[in-house]
Amino acid sequence: MANKTYRTCQNCGTVNLNRDYCKNCGEIININLKRKLEREQKAKEKTASEKVKKKIKSPSYLNTQRNMKMYLHTILHVSFIPFVSWCSP
């Protein structure tokens, strides 16, 4: 004969016999099943976020942007600051 497992629902307080989900409200009452589903959900979210990061992050693009900012910064210092100091008395 199979083991009888009584589980109390944390949501509504109903006592359930040999169930993973509450017969009254449908909430997951099996802790092992709940943790397994949470791990699977986190794994899906992690793979989805990694895919998005790969699409967004392009090293050559980032390097180009960084180089452009440094170039503009250098041009500003080489041309504008001497001009301002020349114009001021």
PDB file of N, CA and C in Angstrom:
ATOM      1  N   MET A   1       0.837  -1.173   0.000  1.00  0.00           N
ATOM      2  CA  MET A   1       0.000   0.000   0.000  1.00  0.00           C
ATOM      3  C   MET A   1       0.886   1.242   0.000  1.00  0.00           C
ATOM      4  N   ALA A   2       0.467   2.260  -0.726  1.00  0.00           N
ATOM      5  CA  ALA A   2       1.244   3.489  -0.876  1.00  0.00           C
ATOM      6  C   ALA A   2       1.222   4.306   0.417  1.00  0.00           C
ATOM      7  N   ASN A   3       2.280   5.098   0.584  1.00  0.00           N
ATOM      8  CA  ASN A   3       2.340   5.977   1.751  1.00  0.00           C
ATOM      9  C   ASN A   3       1.313   7.096   1.622  1.00  0.00           C
ATOM     10  N   LYS A   4       0.740   7.457   2.762  1.00  0.00           N
ATOM     11  CA  LYS A   4      -0.190   8.581   2.781  1.00  0.00           C
ATOM     12  C   LYS A   4       0.578   9.822   3.203  1.00  0.00           C
ATOM     13  N   THR A   5       0.499  10.843   2.372  1.00  0.00           N
ATOM     14  CA  THR A   5       1.181  12.094   2.657  1.00  0.00           C
ATOM     15  C   THR A   5       0.135  13.194   2.778  1.00  0.00           C
ATOM     16  N   TYR A   6       0.046  13.726   3.984  1.00  0.00           N
ATOM     17  CA  TYR A   6      -0.868  14.840   4.224  1.00  0.00           C
ATOM     18  C   TYR A   6      -0.084  16.135   4.140  1.00  0.00           C
ATOM     19  N   ARG A   7      -0.592  17.056   3.332  1.00  0.00           N
ATOM     20  CA  ARG A   7       0.045  18.353   3.182  1.00  0.00           C
ATOM     21  C   ARG A   7      -1.001  19.425   3.413  1.00  0.00           C
ATOM     22  N   THR A   8      -0.617  20.437   4.188  1.00  0.00           N
ATOM     23  CA  THR A   8      -1.519  21.549   4.462  1.00  0.00           C
ATOM     24  C   THR A   8      -1.156  22.707   3.542  1.00  0.00           C
ATOM     25  N   CYS A   9      -2.160  23.250   2.897  1.00  0.00           N
ATOM     26  CA  CYS A   9      -1.957  24.387   1.986  1.00  0.00           C
ATOM     27  C   CYS A   9      -1.641  25.626   2.805  1.00  0.00           C
ATOM     28  N   GLN A  10      -0.561  26.328   2.414  1.00  0.00           N
ATOM     29  CA  GLN A  10      -0.178  27.559   3.098  1.00  0.00           C
ATOM     30  C   GLN A  10      -1.086  28.725   2.712  1.00  0.00           C
ATOM     31  N   ASN A  11      -1.788  28.579   1.606  1.00  0.00           N
ATOM     32  CA  ASN A  11      -2.637  29.647   1.111  1.00  0.00           C
ATOM     33  C   ASN A  11      -4.017  29.639   1.782  1.00  0.00           C
ATOM     34  N   CYS A  12      -4.665  28.463   1.811  1.00  0.00           N
ATOM     35  CA  CYS A  12      -6.034  28.417   2.335  1.00  0.00           C
ATOM     36  C   CYS A  12      -6.190  27.537   3.573  1.00  0.00           C
ATOM     37  N   GLY A  13      -5.162  26.741   3.923  1.00  0.00           N
ATOM     38  CA  GLY A  13      -5.219  25.914   5.124  1.00  0.00           C
ATOM     39  C   GLY A  13      -5.890  24.567   4.940  1.00  0.00           C
ATOM     40  N   THR A  14      -6.238  24.198   3.733  1.00  0.00           N
ATOM     41  CA  THR A  14      -6.876  22.910   3.462  1.00  0.00           C
ATOM     42  C   THR A  14      -5.858  21.788   3.575  1.00  0.00           C
ATOM     43  N   VAL A  15      -6.246  20.679   4.204  1.00  0.00           N
ATOM     44  CA  VAL A  15      -5.380  19.505   4.312  1.00  0.00           C
ATOM     45  C   VAL A  15      -5.645  18.625   3.100  1.00  0.00           C
ATOM     46  N   ASN A  16      -4.575  18.261   2.401  1.00  0.00           N
ATOM     47  CA  ASN A  16      -4.682  17.473   1.174  1.00  0.00           C
ATOM     48  C   ASN A  16      -3.959  16.153   1.355  1.00  0.00           C
ATOM     49  N   LEU A  17      -4.489  15.097   0.782  1.00  0.00           N
ATOM     50  CA  LEU A  17      -3.912  13.762   0.873  1.00  0.00           C
ATOM     51  C   LEU A  17      -3.308  13.387  -0.473  1.00  0.00           C
ATOM     52  N   ASN A  18      -1.990  13.118  -0.482  1.00  0.00           N
ATOM     53  CA  ASN A  18      -1.262  12.659  -1.667  1.00  0.00           C
ATOM     54  C   ASN A  18      -1.471  13.574  -2.881  1.00  0.00           C
ATOM     55  N   ARG A  19      -1.317  14.859  -2.694  1.00  0.00           N
ATOM     56  CA  ARG A  19      -1.484  15.818  -3.792  1.00  0.00           C
ATOM     57  C   ARG A  19      -0.289  16.759  -3.833  1.00  0.00           C
ATOM     58  N   ASP A  20       0.001  17.247  -5.043  1.00  0.00           N
ATOM     59  CA  ASP A  20       1.034  18.260  -5.216  1.00  0.00           C
ATOM     60  C   ASP A  20       0.424  19.654  -5.251  1.00  0.00           C
ATOM     61  N   TYR A  21      -0.839  19.725  -5.649  1.00  0.00           N
ATOM     62  CA  TYR A  21      -1.561  20.991  -5.716  1.00  0.00           C
ATOM     63  C   TYR A  21      -2.771  20.918  -4.798  1.00  0.00           C
ATOM     64  N   CYS A  22      -3.136  22.054  -4.198  1.00  0.00           N
ATOM     65  CA  CYS A  22      -4.276  22.105  -3.285  1.00  0.00           C
ATOM     66  C   CYS A  22      -5.567  21.842  -4.059  1.00  0.00           C
ATOM     67  N   LYS A  23      -6.414  20.981  -3.510  1.00  0.00           N
ATOM     68  CA  LYS A  23      -7.672  20.675  -4.188  1.00  0.00           C
ATOM     69  C   LYS A  23      -8.675  21.823  -4.059  1.00  0.00           C
ATOM     70  N   ASN A  24      -8.449  22.719  -3.089  1.00  0.00           N
ATOM     71  CA  ASN A  24      -9.370  23.825  -2.875  1.00  0.00           C
ATOM     72  C   ASN A  24      -9.003  25.055  -3.708  1.00  0.00           C
ATOM     73  N   CYS A  25      -7.746  25.488  -3.652  1.00  0.00           N
ATOM     74  CA  CYS A  25      -7.361  26.743  -4.327  1.00  0.00           C
ATOM     75  C   CYS A  25      -6.397  26.548  -5.493  1.00  0.00           C
ATOM     76  N   GLY A  26      -5.783  25.361  -5.630  1.00  0.00           N
ATOM     77  CA  GLY A  26      -4.887  25.096  -6.756  1.00  0.00           C
ATOM     78  C   GLY A  26      -3.444  25.504  -6.531  1.00  0.00           C
ATOM     79  N   GLU A  27      -3.102  25.987  -5.337  1.00  0.00           N
ATOM     80  CA  GLU A  27      -1.730  26.401  -5.005  1.00  0.00           C
ATOM     81  C   GLU A  27      -0.820  25.171  -4.911  1.00  0.00           C
ATOM     82  N   ILE A  28       0.469  25.325  -5.286  1.00  0.00           N
ATOM     83  CA  ILE A  28       1.435  24.238  -5.149  1.00  0.00           C
ATOM     84  C   ILE A  28       1.702  24.014  -3.664  1.00  0.00           C
ATOM     85  N   ILE A  29       1.534  22.778  -3.213  1.00  0.00           N
ATOM     86  CA  ILE A  29       1.779  22.486  -1.795  1.00  0.00           C
ATOM     87  C   ILE A  29       2.964  21.552  -1.598  1.00  0.00           C
ATOM     88  N   ASN A  30       3.446  20.948  -2.677  1.00  0.00           N
ATOM     89  CA  ASN A  30       4.624  20.097  -2.597  1.00  0.00           C
ATOM     90  C   ASN A  30       5.858  20.984  -2.715  1.00  0.00           C
ATOM     91  N   ILE A  31       6.601  21.123  -1.620  1.00  0.00           N
ATOM     92  CA  ILE A  31       7.771  22.011  -1.573  1.00  0.00           C
ATOM     93  C   ILE A  31       8.820  21.610  -2.603  1.00  0.00           C
ATOM     94  N   ASN A  32       9.071  20.314  -2.746  1.00  0.00           N
ATOM     95  CA  ASN A  32      10.080  19.854  -3.713  1.00  0.00           C
ATOM     96  C   ASN A  32       9.690  20.240  -5.136  1.00  0.00           C
ATOM     97  N   LEU A  33       8.426  20.070  -5.464  1.00  0.00           N
ATOM     98  CA  LEU A  33       7.944  20.441  -6.793  1.00  0.00           C
ATOM     99  C   LEU A  33       8.033  21.950  -6.990  1.00  0.00           C
ATOM    100  N   LYS A  34       7.699  22.719  -5.962  1.00  0.00           N
ATOM    101  CA  LYS A  34       7.749  24.173  -6.041  1.00  0.00           C
ATOM    102  C   LYS A  34       9.180  24.650  -6.290  1.00  0.00           C
ATOM    103  N   ARG A  35      10.138  24.080  -5.561  1.00  0.00           N
ATOM    104  CA  ARG A  35      11.542  24.462  -5.742  1.00  0.00           C
ATOM    105  C   ARG A  35      12.043  24.085  -7.127  1.00  0.00           C
ATOM    106  N   LYS A  36      11.633  22.908  -7.613  1.00  0.00           N
ATOM    107  CA  LYS A  36      12.044  22.460  -8.940  1.00  0.00           C
ATOM    108  C   LYS A  36      11.520  23.418 -10.015  1.00  0.00           C
ATOM    109  N   LEU A  37      10.260  23.811  -9.892  1.00  0.00           N
ATOM    110  CA  LEU A  37       9.680  24.736 -10.861  1.00  0.00           C
ATOM    111  C   LEU A  37      10.359  26.106 -10.795  1.00  0.00           C
ATOM    112  N   GLU A  38      10.727  26.559  -9.585  1.00  0.00           N
ATOM    113  CA  GLU A  38      11.434  27.835  -9.442  1.00  0.00           C
ATOM    114  C   GLU A  38      12.816  27.778 -10.089  1.00  0.00           C
ATOM    115  N   ARG A  39      13.522  26.645  -9.901  1.00  0.00           N
ATOM    116  CA  ARG A  39      14.845  26.490 -10.535  1.00  0.00           C
ATOM    117  C   ARG A  39      14.729  26.512 -12.045  1.00  0.00           C
ATOM    118  N   GLU A  40      13.723  25.821 -12.580  1.00  0.00           N
ATOM    119  CA  GLU A  40      13.536  25.795 -14.026  1.00  0.00           C
ATOM    120  C   GLU A  40      13.213  27.188 -14.560  1.00  0.00           C
ATOM    121  N   GLN A  41      12.381  27.929 -13.817  1.00  0.00           N
ATOM    122  CA  GLN A  41      12.024  29.285 -14.237  1.00  0.00           C
ATOM    123  C   GLN A  41      13.247  30.194 -14.233  1.00  0.00           C
ATOM    124  N   LYS A  42      14.077  30.094 -13.185  1.00  0.00           N
ATOM    125  CA  LYS A  42      15.287  30.905 -13.121  1.00  0.00           C
ATOM    126  C   LYS A  42      16.247  30.559 -14.251  1.00  0.00           C
ATOM    127  N   ALA A  43      16.345  29.266 -14.589  1.00  0.00           N
ATOM    128  CA  ALA A  43      17.223  28.845 -15.679  1.00  0.00           C
ATOM    129  C   ALA A  43      16.739  29.428 -17.002  1.00  0.00           C
ATOM    130  N   LYS A  44      15.418  29.429 -17.231  1.00  0.00           N
ATOM    131  CA  LYS A  44      14.866  30.005 -18.460  1.00  0.00           C
ATOM    132  C   LYS A  44      15.136  31.495 -18.527  1.00  0.00           C
ATOM    133  N   GLU A  45      14.944  32.195 -17.394  1.00  0.00           N
ATOM    134  CA  GLU A  45      15.193  33.631 -17.365  1.00  0.00           C
ATOM    135  C   GLU A  45      16.665  33.941 -17.605  1.00  0.00           C
ATOM    136  N   LYS A  46      17.538  33.111 -17.052  1.00  0.00           N
ATOM    137  CA  LYS A  46      18.976  33.333 -17.214  1.00  0.00           C
ATOM    138  C   LYS A  46      19.385  33.156 -18.674  1.00  0.00           C
ATOM    139  N   THR A  47      18.904  32.111 -19.325  1.00  0.00           N
ATOM    140  CA  THR A  47      19.250  31.902 -20.731  1.00  0.00           C
ATOM    141  C   THR A  47      18.664  33.010 -21.599  1.00  0.00           C
ATOM    142  N   ALA A  48      17.457  33.468 -21.270  1.00  0.00           N
ATOM    143  CA  ALA A  48      16.848  34.554 -22.040  1.00  0.00           C
ATOM    144  C   ALA A  48      17.645  35.844 -21.868  1.00  0.00           C
ATOM    145  N   SER A  49      18.074  36.133 -20.645  1.00  0.00           N
ATOM    146  CA  SER A  49      18.846  37.358 -20.417  1.00  0.00           C
ATOM    147  C   SER A  49      20.221  37.268 -21.078  1.00  0.00           C
ATOM    148  N   GLU A  50      20.813  36.090 -21.117  1.00  0.00           N
ATOM    149  CA  GLU A  50      22.104  35.925 -21.785  1.00  0.00           C
ATOM    150  C   GLU A  50      21.968  36.157 -23.285  1.00  0.00           C
ATOM    151  N   LYS A  51      20.860  35.702 -23.868  1.00  0.00           N
ATOM    152  CA  LYS A  51      20.628  35.922 -25.297  1.00  0.00           C
ATOM    153  C   LYS A  51      20.488  37.408 -25.585  1.00  0.00           C
ATOM    154  N   VAL A  52      19.773  38.112 -24.718  1.00  0.00           N
ATOM    155  CA  VAL A  52      19.594  39.557 -24.905  1.00  0.00           C
ATOM    156  C   VAL A  52      20.927  40.267 -24.761  1.00  0.00           C
ATOM    157  N   LYS A  53      21.736  39.881 -23.783  1.00  0.00           N
ATOM    158  CA  LYS A  53      23.036  40.509 -23.584  1.00  0.00           C
ATOM    159  C   LYS A  53      23.927  40.304 -24.797  1.00  0.00           C
ATOM    160  N   LYS A  54      23.877  39.109 -25.386  1.00  0.00           N
ATOM    161  CA  LYS A  54      24.699  38.840 -26.569  1.00  0.00           C
ATOM    162  C   LYS A  54      24.269  39.709 -27.740  1.00  0.00           C
ATOM    163  N   LYS A  55      22.964  39.942 -27.876  1.00  0.00           N
ATOM    164  CA  LYS A  55      22.480  40.768 -28.976  1.00  0.00           C
ATOM    165  C   LYS A  55      22.855  42.225 -28.769  1.00  0.00           C
ATOM    166  N   ILE A  56      22.777  42.704 -27.538  1.00  0.00           N
ATOM    167  CA  ILE A  56      23.043  44.107 -27.250  1.00  0.00           C
ATOM    168  C   ILE A  56      24.536  44.411 -27.270  1.00  0.00           C
ATOM    169  N   LYS A  57      25.320  43.531 -26.700  1.00  0.00           N
ATOM    170  CA  LYS A  57      26.734  43.806 -26.505  1.00  0.00           C
ATOM    171  C   LYS A  57      27.534  43.371 -27.729  1.00  0.00           C
ATOM    172  N   SER A  58      28.046  44.337 -28.419  1.00  0.00           N
ATOM    173  CA  SER A  58      28.931  44.076 -29.538  1.00  0.00           C
ATOM    174  C   SER A  58      30.243  44.789 -29.246  1.00  0.00           C
ATOM    175  N   PRO A  59      31.303  44.065 -28.968  1.00  0.00           N
ATOM    176  CA  PRO A  59      32.558  44.704 -28.575  1.00  0.00           C
ATOM    177  C   PRO A  59      33.076  45.720 -29.585  1.00  0.00           C
ATOM    178  N   SER A  60      32.967  45.439 -30.866  1.00  0.00           N
ATOM    179  CA  SER A  60      33.469  46.382 -31.857  1.00  0.00           C
ATOM    180  C   SER A  60      32.673  47.681 -31.820  1.00  0.00           C
ATOM    181  N   TYR A  61      31.381  47.592 -31.627  1.00  0.00           N
ATOM    182  CA  TYR A  61      30.549  48.788 -31.542  1.00  0.00           C
ATOM    183  C   TYR A  61      30.917  49.602 -30.309  1.00  0.00           C
ATOM    184  N   LEU A  62      31.065  48.914 -29.165  1.00  0.00           N
ATOM    185  CA  LEU A  62      31.415  49.615 -27.935  1.00  0.00           C
ATOM    186  C   LEU A  62      32.782  50.272 -28.058  1.00  0.00           C
ATOM    187  N   ASN A  63      33.720  49.579 -28.637  1.00  0.00           N
ATOM    188  CA  ASN A  63      35.051  50.157 -28.816  1.00  0.00           C
ATOM    189  C   ASN A  63      35.001  51.369 -29.740  1.00  0.00           C
ATOM    190  N   THR A  64      34.192  51.305 -30.770  1.00  0.00           N
ATOM    191  CA  THR A  64      34.056  52.430 -31.687  1.00  0.00           C
ATOM    192  C   THR A  64      33.495  53.638 -30.955  1.00  0.00           C
ATOM    193  N   GLN A  65      32.465  53.427 -30.152  1.00  0.00           N
ATOM    194  CA  GLN A  65      31.873  54.523 -29.390  1.00  0.00           C
ATOM    195  C   GLN A  65      32.888  55.113 -28.415  1.00  0.00           C
ATOM    196  N   ARG A  66      33.603  54.265 -27.727  1.00  0.00           N
ATOM    197  CA  ARG A  66      34.599  54.723 -26.757  1.00  0.00           C
ATOM    198  C   ARG A  66      35.696  55.523 -27.463  1.00  0.00           C
ATOM    199  N   ASN A  67      36.161  55.022 -28.603  1.00  0.00           N
ATOM    200  CA  ASN A  67      37.198  55.730 -29.356  1.00  0.00           C
ATOM    201  C   ASN A  67      36.697  57.078 -29.859  1.00  0.00           C
ATOM    202  N   MET A  68      35.448  57.138 -30.282  1.00  0.00           N
ATOM    203  CA  MET A  68      34.885  58.385 -30.772  1.00  0.00           C
ATOM    204  C   MET A  68      34.809  59.420 -29.649  1.00  0.00           C
ATOM    205  N   LYS A  69      34.400  58.983 -28.461  1.00  0.00           N
ATOM    206  CA  LYS A  69      34.332  59.900 -27.323  1.00  0.00           C
ATOM    207  C   LYS A  69      35.721  60.419 -26.967  1.00  0.00           C
ATOM    208  N   MET A  70      36.702  59.542 -26.982  1.00  0.00           N
ATOM    209  CA  MET A  70      38.069  59.968 -26.665  1.00  0.00           C
ATOM    210  C   MET A  70      38.586  60.932 -27.732  1.00  0.00           C
ATOM    211  N   TYR A  71      38.258  60.687 -28.978  1.00  0.00           N
ATOM    212  CA  TYR A  71      38.686  61.555 -30.072  1.00  0.00           C
ATOM    213  C   TYR A  71      38.074  62.945 -29.919  1.00  0.00           C
ATOM    214  N   LEU A  72      36.780  63.008 -29.661  1.00  0.00           N
ATOM    215  CA  LEU A  72      36.113  64.285 -29.501  1.00  0.00           C
ATOM    216  C   LEU A  72      36.641  65.040 -28.284  1.00  0.00           C
ATOM    217  N   HIS A  73      36.904  64.315 -27.227  1.00  0.00           N
ATOM    218  CA  HIS A  73      37.456  64.917 -26.021  1.00  0.00           C
ATOM    219  C   HIS A  73      38.834  65.530 -26.313  1.00  0.00           C
ATOM    220  N   THR A  74      39.646  64.830 -27.053  1.00  0.00           N
ATOM    221  CA  THR A  74      40.975  65.321 -27.410  1.00  0.00           C
ATOM    222  C   THR A  74      40.872  66.553 -28.304  1.00  0.00           C
ATOM    223  N   ILE A  75      40.006  66.518 -29.283  1.00  0.00           N
ATOM    224  CA  ILE A  75      39.821  67.661 -30.183  1.00  0.00           C
ATOM    225  C   ILE A  75      39.378  68.882 -29.386  1.00  0.00           C
ATOM    226  N   LEU A  76      38.485  68.674 -28.444  1.00  0.00           N
ATOM    227  CA  LEU A  76      38.004  69.774 -27.621  1.00  0.00           C
ATOM    228  C   LEU A  76      39.162  70.427 -26.857  1.00  0.00           C
ATOM    229  N   HIS A  77      39.987  69.598 -26.254  1.00  0.00           N
ATOM    230  CA  HIS A  77      41.096  70.135 -25.471  1.00  0.00           C
ATOM    231  C   HIS A  77      42.173  70.777 -26.342  1.00  0.00           C
ATOM    232  N   VAL A  78      42.401  70.227 -27.493  1.00  0.00           N
ATOM    233  CA  VAL A  78      43.458  70.746 -28.355  1.00  0.00           C
ATOM    234  C   VAL A  78      43.036  72.052 -29.016  1.00  0.00           C
ATOM    235  N   SER A  79      41.755  72.202 -29.346  1.00  0.00           N
ATOM    236  CA  SER A  79      41.338  73.378 -30.093  1.00  0.00           C
ATOM    237  C   SER A  79      40.610  74.418 -29.251  1.00  0.00           C
ATOM    238  N   PHE A  80      39.692  74.018 -28.436  1.00  0.00           N
ATOM    239  CA  PHE A  80      38.839  74.967 -27.745  1.00  0.00           C
ATOM    240  C   PHE A  80      39.538  75.645 -26.561  1.00  0.00           C
ATOM    241  N   ILE A  81      40.204  74.918 -25.737  1.00  0.00           N
ATOM    242  CA  ILE A  81      40.837  75.482 -24.549  1.00  0.00           C
ATOM    243  C   ILE A  81      41.934  76.485 -24.919  1.00  0.00           C
ATOM    244  N   PRO A  82      42.806  76.204 -25.866  1.00  0.00           N
ATOM    245  CA  PRO A  82      43.776  77.245 -26.269  1.00  0.00           C
ATOM    246  C   PRO A  82      43.098  78.484 -26.848  1.00  0.00           C
ATOM    247  N   PHE A  83      42.001  78.283 -27.565  1.00  0.00           N
ATOM    248  CA  PHE A  83      41.264  79.416 -28.117  1.00  0.00           C
ATOM    249  C   PHE A  83      40.709  80.303 -27.013  1.00  0.00           C
ATOM    250  N   VAL A  84      40.145  79.713 -25.986  1.00  0.00           N
ATOM    251  CA  VAL A  84      39.595  80.459 -24.869  1.00  0.00           C
ATOM    252  C   VAL A  84      40.713  81.193 -24.140  1.00  0.00           C
ATOM    253  N   SER A  85      41.826  80.543 -23.915  1.00  0.00           N
ATOM    254  CA  SER A  85      42.935  81.215 -23.221  1.00  0.00           C
ATOM    255  C   SER A  85      43.529  82.329 -24.079  1.00  0.00           C
ATOM    256  N   TRP A  86      43.504  82.224 -25.396  1.00  0.00           N
ATOM    257  CA  TRP A  86      43.992  83.250 -26.293  1.00  0.00           C
ATOM    258  C   TRP A  86      43.068  84.460 -26.286  1.00  0.00           C
ATOM    259  N   CYS A  87      41.734  84.206 -26.193  1.00  0.00           N
ATOM    260  CA  CYS A  87      40.759  85.290 -26.213  1.00  0.00           C
ATOM    261  C   CYS A  87      40.686  86.039 -24.883  1.00  0.00           C
ATOM    262  N   SER A  88      40.975  85.406 -23.816  1.00  0.00           N
ATOM    263  CA  SER A  88      40.878  86.075 -22.522  1.00  0.00           C
ATOM    264  C   SER A  88      42.092  86.955 -22.284  1.00  0.00           C
ATOM    265  N   PRO A  89      41.901  88.123 -21.660  1.00  0.00           N
ATOM    266  CA  PRO A  89      43.040  89.058 -21.467  1.00  0.00           C
ATOM    267  C   PRO A  89      44.036  88.587 -20.448  1.00  0.00           C
TER     268      PRO A  89
END
